Each structure stands twice: as structure tokens, then as C-alpha cells.
Amino acid sequence: MDEKKTVLIVEDEKSIVDILQYNLKKEYKILTAYDGEAGLNAALNQKPDIILLDVMLPKIDGFEVCRVLREKGHNVPVIILTAREEEDDKVKGLELGADDYITKPFSIREVMARVKANIRRTTAMSPGGDGAAAAVGGGLSINTNSRQVFKHDTPIDLTQREYELFAFLAANPGTVFSRSDLMAQVWNYGYVGDDVRTVDVTVRRLREKIENDPANPALILTRRGVGYYFAGQ
């Protein structure tokens, strides 16, 4: 029997933690933290498979927790929890390296679906060995076994979501995908609406890491009114 995956819940409202824990504990091992400092320590030391991270936390806020994790090279999926009206919080969290966000008050069914989608995707795409990197154009190459992208043979530090977005677009050069397409194919969500902002921010972060001039991209391009595509080899 497969060992249960671990979900770390970092949230200072005990009622929310209790609801999440009650619904997730049947399928996952649960870790909890009620402030950002404890959450960061748990993330660094306990190595969870996914983190549900509140933004407004005592001691260290969720933004700082996410920033430190990414700075230290931890690419664990992070889903931030934020108030519905705080649009700037959503974007800031994504720009700091969070993979996604869920707005409060949230549907438990939505939380369960997103956690499951992340766990399923990361399990299916776990590294299987070194292998060889294949050139995809623009001086970039990708090793799908080690899940590593290189620019002129130098590894690029991508988050898990950034890697998956790049790998998907690079595997389909010249094909334009709408934001909804990418949410379904890369994020594994059938959601639309506000969620498409997640795609835009992730594309922007990815461009900053792979493009020579992110303000004038040559690799990941936008087809106005339609979506994004990879203009590689």
C-alpha cells in the first residue's frame, strides 16, 4: 500500500484548520502550524508534499514563508489561502512563487480537488533518472526525467509549476493554448474565471527566467485575444 502523502496546513484560524484537517485526513497525513514561523520550520524540516498557506499569519506572513522556501530552492507546491476581495494578495503570492490560490470562504470540495490534482500530478511526474536533455530552441534544453531545464547548459531554477508549464508548451511548439486550456492541461483544473490570472503570472515569472529580454519575449509568445504558445525550434 502506498504511503500517504503529507499536507501541511499553515493557518492561524483553528476553525479553518479543523475543517481542512477533518476532510483531508482520510487520504493524507496532516501537519499543522498556526503561525508563519512554525509553518516555515515545518516546511523545511518535515518535507510535506503540498502546503496550504494562509496569507495573514502571526510572526511571519505567508508571503515571506513562500519567498524563503523558494529562495532556499524548495519547490513543493504551495496553494495560498486569501480573502476573496484581496486581488493584490493573489497576484503577490503567485509572483513570489506560489503555485495557485484559493479564496476564502472556500468550498471544501474545491480544496480537495486542488490538493488531489497537485498530488496526482507530482506523483505521476516524479523524477525517473538522469537521462539526456533535449534541445527545444532558443538555447534551451529540457530533461524530462530529472525535470530540469537548461539555458546554454546552465540549469534554470524553476518552480514545479513553471517547469510543467514550460514542458507542456515546449512539447507543443507553435500551438496556441488559451488560458482555460492551460488551466485544464497543466493545472489539471476545470476552473475558469479568476483562475486565469494564475496562468498570466506564471507565464510572466517563466519569461523572467528563460527569456534574454523578458519585456520582449522571443520564446513564449502571446497571440492577442487567444492565448500563449512556444516559438521554439
Protein backbone atom coordinates (compact mmCIF):
# COMPACT_ATOMS: atom_id res chain seq x y z
CA MET A 1 0.00 0.00 0.00
CA ASP A 2 1.36 3.42 -0.94
CA GLU A 3 2.41 5.67 1.90
CA LYS A 4 0.09 8.60 2.45
CA LYS A 5 1.23 11.94 1.07
CA THR A 6 1.64 14.81 3.52
CA VAL A 7 -0.33 18.06 3.51
CA LEU A 8 0.95 20.95 5.62
CA ILE A 9 -1.77 23.40 6.69
CA VAL A 10 -0.44 26.79 7.82
CA GLU A 11 -3.41 28.78 9.10
CA ASP A 12 -3.99 30.75 12.32
CA GLU A 13 -7.77 30.24 12.48
CA LYS A 14 -8.27 26.98 14.33
CA SER A 15 -11.79 26.50 12.96
CA ILE A 16 -10.44 26.52 9.39
CA VAL A 17 -7.62 24.16 10.31
CA ASP A 18 -10.12 21.79 11.94
CA ILE A 19 -12.36 21.75 8.85
CA LEU A 20 -9.45 21.16 6.48
CA GLN A 21 -7.90 18.51 8.69
CA TYR A 22 -11.20 16.65 9.13
CA ASN A 23 -11.77 16.47 5.37
CA LEU A 24 -8.20 15.71 4.30
CA LYS A 25 -7.05 13.27 7.00
CA LYS A 26 -8.73 10.24 5.44
CA GLU A 27 -6.48 10.45 2.39
CA TYR A 28 -3.42 12.34 3.60
CA LYS A 29 -1.08 12.70 6.53
CA ILE A 30 -1.70 16.14 8.02
CA LEU A 31 0.76 18.59 9.55
CA THR A 32 -0.48 21.84 11.06
CA ALA A 33 1.07 25.16 12.02
CA TYR A 34 -0.69 28.23 13.42
CA ASP A 35 1.89 30.91 12.61
CA GLY A 36 4.30 31.60 9.79
CA GLU A 37 7.44 30.80 11.77
CA ALA A 38 6.19 27.35 12.74
CA GLY A 39 4.91 26.81 9.22
CA LEU A 40 8.26 27.65 7.65
CA ASN A 41 10.08 25.34 10.06
CA ALA A 42 7.66 22.51 9.31
CA ALA A 43 8.02 23.06 5.57
CA LEU A 44 11.82 22.99 5.76
CA ASN A 45 12.15 20.10 8.19
CA GLN A 46 9.14 17.85 7.55
CA LYS A 47 9.23 17.98 3.72
CA PRO A 48 5.46 17.96 3.03
CA ASP A 49 4.14 17.08 -0.42
CA ILE A 50 1.94 20.19 -0.62
CA ILE A 51 1.32 23.29 1.53
CA LEU A 52 -1.95 25.14 2.12
CA LEU A 53 -0.67 28.54 3.23
CA ASP A 54 -2.70 31.39 4.67
CA VAL A 55 -1.53 34.90 3.81
CA MET A 56 -2.28 36.70 7.08
CA LEU A 57 -0.28 34.89 9.77
CA PRO A 58 1.33 35.83 13.10
CA LYS A 59 5.13 36.24 13.33
CA ILE A 60 5.85 35.75 9.60
CA ASP A 61 3.21 36.27 6.93
CA GLY A 62 2.50 33.77 4.19
CA PHE A 63 4.28 35.84 1.55
CA GLU A 64 7.53 35.68 3.48
CA VAL A 65 7.14 31.95 4.10
CA CYS A 66 6.73 31.37 0.37
CA ARG A 67 9.59 33.69 -0.54
CA VAL A 68 12.02 31.95 1.83
CA LEU A 69 11.01 28.49 0.64
CA ARG A 70 11.64 29.40 -3.00
CA GLU A 71 14.86 31.23 -2.14
CA LYS A 72 16.14 28.06 -0.47
CA GLY A 73 15.26 26.01 -3.55
CA HIS A 74 12.22 24.20 -2.14
CA ASN A 75 9.79 23.62 -5.00
CA VAL A 76 6.99 21.97 -3.03
CA PRO A 77 3.57 23.01 -4.42
CA VAL A 78 2.14 25.95 -2.44
CA ILE A 79 -1.51 26.94 -2.57
CA ILE A 80 -2.15 30.22 -0.79
CA LEU A 81 -5.39 30.93 1.05
CA THR A 82 -6.55 34.53 0.74
CA ALA A 83 -9.65 36.65 1.26
CA ARG A 84 -11.82 36.87 -1.85
CA GLU A 85 -11.57 40.64 -2.16
CA GLU A 86 -7.78 40.82 -1.85
CA GLU A 87 -6.84 40.59 -5.54
CA ASP A 88 -3.39 42.07 -4.92
CA ASP A 89 -2.64 39.31 -2.41
CA LYS A 90 -3.35 36.65 -5.00
CA VAL A 91 -1.02 38.18 -7.55
CA LYS A 92 1.72 38.89 -4.99
CA GLY A 93 1.61 35.29 -3.78
CA LEU A 94 1.93 33.95 -7.31
CA GLU A 95 4.80 36.32 -8.09
CA LEU A 96 6.65 35.06 -5.02
CA GLY A 97 6.41 31.50 -6.32
CA ALA A 98 3.10 30.13 -5.05
CA ASP A 99 1.54 27.67 -7.48
CA ASP A 100 -2.06 28.69 -7.01
CA TYR A 101 -4.55 30.34 -4.67
CA ILE A 102 -7.92 29.52 -3.14
CA THR A 103 -10.14 32.33 -1.93
CA LYS A 104 -12.00 32.41 1.38
CA PRO A 105 -14.68 31.45 2.07
CA PHE A 106 -13.79 28.36 0.08
CA SER A 107 -15.56 25.18 -0.89
CA ILE A 108 -14.12 22.09 0.76
CA ARG A 109 -14.81 20.22 -2.47
CA GLU A 110 -12.62 22.73 -4.34
CA VAL A 111 -9.81 22.38 -1.80
CA MET A 112 -9.97 18.59 -2.01
CA ALA A 113 -9.93 18.69 -5.81
CA ARG A 114 -6.94 21.01 -5.98
CA VAL A 115 -4.92 19.10 -3.41
CA LYS A 116 -5.67 15.83 -5.20
CA ALA A 117 -4.75 17.30 -8.59
CA ASN A 118 -1.40 18.54 -7.27
CA ILE A 119 -0.58 15.28 -5.52
CA ARG A 120 -1.57 13.19 -8.55
CA ARG A 121 0.45 15.36 -10.92
CA THR A 122 3.59 15.43 -8.80
CA THR A 123 3.45 11.68 -8.23
CA ALA A 124 3.00 10.95 -11.93
CA MET A 125 5.80 13.32 -12.92
CA SER A 126 8.38 12.45 -10.27
CA PRO A 127 11.99 12.16 -11.50
CA GLY A 128 12.92 8.82 -13.01
CA GLY A 129 16.64 9.22 -13.60
CA ASP A 130 19.16 11.49 -15.27
CA GLY A 131 18.61 10.76 -18.96
CA ALA A 132 19.63 13.25 -21.62
CA ALA A 133 18.48 16.82 -22.16
CA ALA A 134 16.74 17.50 -25.48
CA ALA A 135 17.16 20.87 -27.20
CA VAL A 136 13.92 22.81 -27.67
CA GLY A 137 15.29 26.01 -29.24
CA GLY A 138 16.47 29.39 -28.08
CA GLY A 139 19.48 27.87 -26.34
CA LEU A 140 17.15 25.92 -24.07
CA SER A 141 17.06 22.20 -23.39
CA ILE A 142 14.89 20.07 -21.16
CA ASN A 143 15.47 16.82 -19.31
CA THR A 144 12.06 15.31 -18.66
CA ASN A 145 13.48 12.59 -16.40
CA SER A 146 15.18 14.90 -13.92
CA ARG A 147 12.60 17.62 -14.70
CA GLN A 148 15.31 20.20 -15.29
CA VAL A 149 15.53 23.00 -17.85
CA PHE A 150 18.88 24.32 -19.06
CA LYS A 151 19.85 27.55 -20.77
CA HIS A 152 23.14 27.19 -22.65
CA ASP A 153 23.82 24.12 -20.47
CA THR A 154 23.28 26.07 -17.25
CA PRO A 155 20.37 24.80 -15.11
CA ILE A 156 17.49 27.23 -14.53
CA ASP A 157 15.82 27.28 -11.13
CA LEU A 158 12.13 26.79 -11.91
CA THR A 159 9.31 26.03 -9.53
CA GLN A 160 7.39 22.85 -10.18
CA ARG A 161 4.54 24.73 -11.85
CA GLU A 162 6.89 26.80 -14.00
CA TYR A 163 8.61 23.64 -15.16
CA GLU A 164 5.34 21.94 -16.01
CA LEU A 165 4.08 24.95 -17.96
CA PHE A 166 7.33 25.18 -19.91
CA ALA A 167 7.45 21.43 -20.60
CA PHE A 168 3.88 21.45 -21.89
CA LEU A 169 4.34 24.45 -24.20
CA ALA A 170 7.72 23.18 -25.43
CA ALA A 171 6.19 19.81 -26.27
CA ASN A 172 3.67 21.58 -28.50
CA PRO A 173 5.66 24.27 -30.35
CA GLY A 174 3.60 26.68 -32.39
CA THR A 175 0.30 25.54 -30.88
CA VAL A 176 -1.65 28.34 -29.21
CA PHE A 177 -3.33 27.45 -25.91
CA SER A 178 -5.93 29.61 -24.21
CA ARG A 179 -5.65 30.28 -20.50
CA SER A 180 -8.53 27.88 -19.90
CA ASP A 181 -6.72 25.22 -21.95
CA LEU A 182 -3.62 25.65 -19.81
CA MET A 183 -5.64 25.51 -16.58
CA ALA A 184 -7.04 22.18 -17.73
CA GLN A 185 -3.84 20.70 -19.22
CA VAL A 186 -1.16 21.97 -16.83
CA TRP A 187 -3.03 22.80 -13.64
CA ASN A 188 -5.45 19.88 -14.11
CA TYR A 189 -8.34 22.12 -13.09
CA GLY A 190 -11.57 22.62 -14.95
CA TYR A 191 -11.98 26.07 -13.43
CA VAL A 192 -12.17 29.37 -15.28
CA GLY A 193 -12.83 32.97 -14.29
CA ASP A 194 -10.38 34.48 -11.81
CA ASP A 195 -8.13 31.43 -12.05
CA VAL A 196 -6.75 32.52 -15.42
CA ARG A 197 -4.76 35.21 -13.58
CA THR A 198 -2.68 32.32 -12.27
CA VAL A 199 -1.65 31.49 -15.84
CA ASP A 200 -0.67 35.08 -16.64
CA VAL A 201 1.52 35.47 -13.57
CA THR A 202 3.18 32.08 -14.09
CA VAL A 203 3.96 32.95 -17.72
CA ARG A 204 5.47 36.25 -16.58
CA ARG A 205 7.66 34.53 -13.98
CA LEU A 206 8.75 31.92 -16.51
CA ARG A 207 9.67 34.57 -19.07
CA GLU A 208 11.81 36.34 -16.48
CA LYS A 209 13.85 33.16 -16.11
CA ILE A 210 14.19 31.90 -19.67
CA GLU A 211 14.00 34.94 -21.96
CA ASN A 212 17.00 37.11 -22.81
CA ASP A 213 14.70 40.14 -22.75
CA PRO A 214 11.52 39.31 -20.76
CA ALA A 215 9.89 42.58 -21.84
CA ASN A 216 10.22 41.47 -25.47
CA PRO A 217 9.88 37.68 -25.32
CA ALA A 218 11.08 35.54 -28.20
CA LEU A 219 10.23 32.09 -26.86
CA ILE A 220 6.89 32.16 -25.06
CA LEU A 221 4.68 34.42 -27.12
CA THR A 222 1.17 35.80 -26.78
CA ARG A 223 -1.43 35.53 -29.52
CA ARG A 224 -3.57 38.50 -28.58
CA GLY A 225 -7.09 37.53 -27.62
CA VAL A 226 -6.29 33.82 -27.90
CA GLY A 227 -3.51 32.62 -25.60
CA TYR A 228 0.13 31.59 -25.34
CA TYR A 229 2.45 29.46 -27.46
CA PHE A 230 6.09 28.36 -27.58
CA ALA A 231 8.06 29.63 -30.57
CA GLY A 232 10.98 27.22 -30.28
CA GLN A 233 12.55 25.06 -32.93
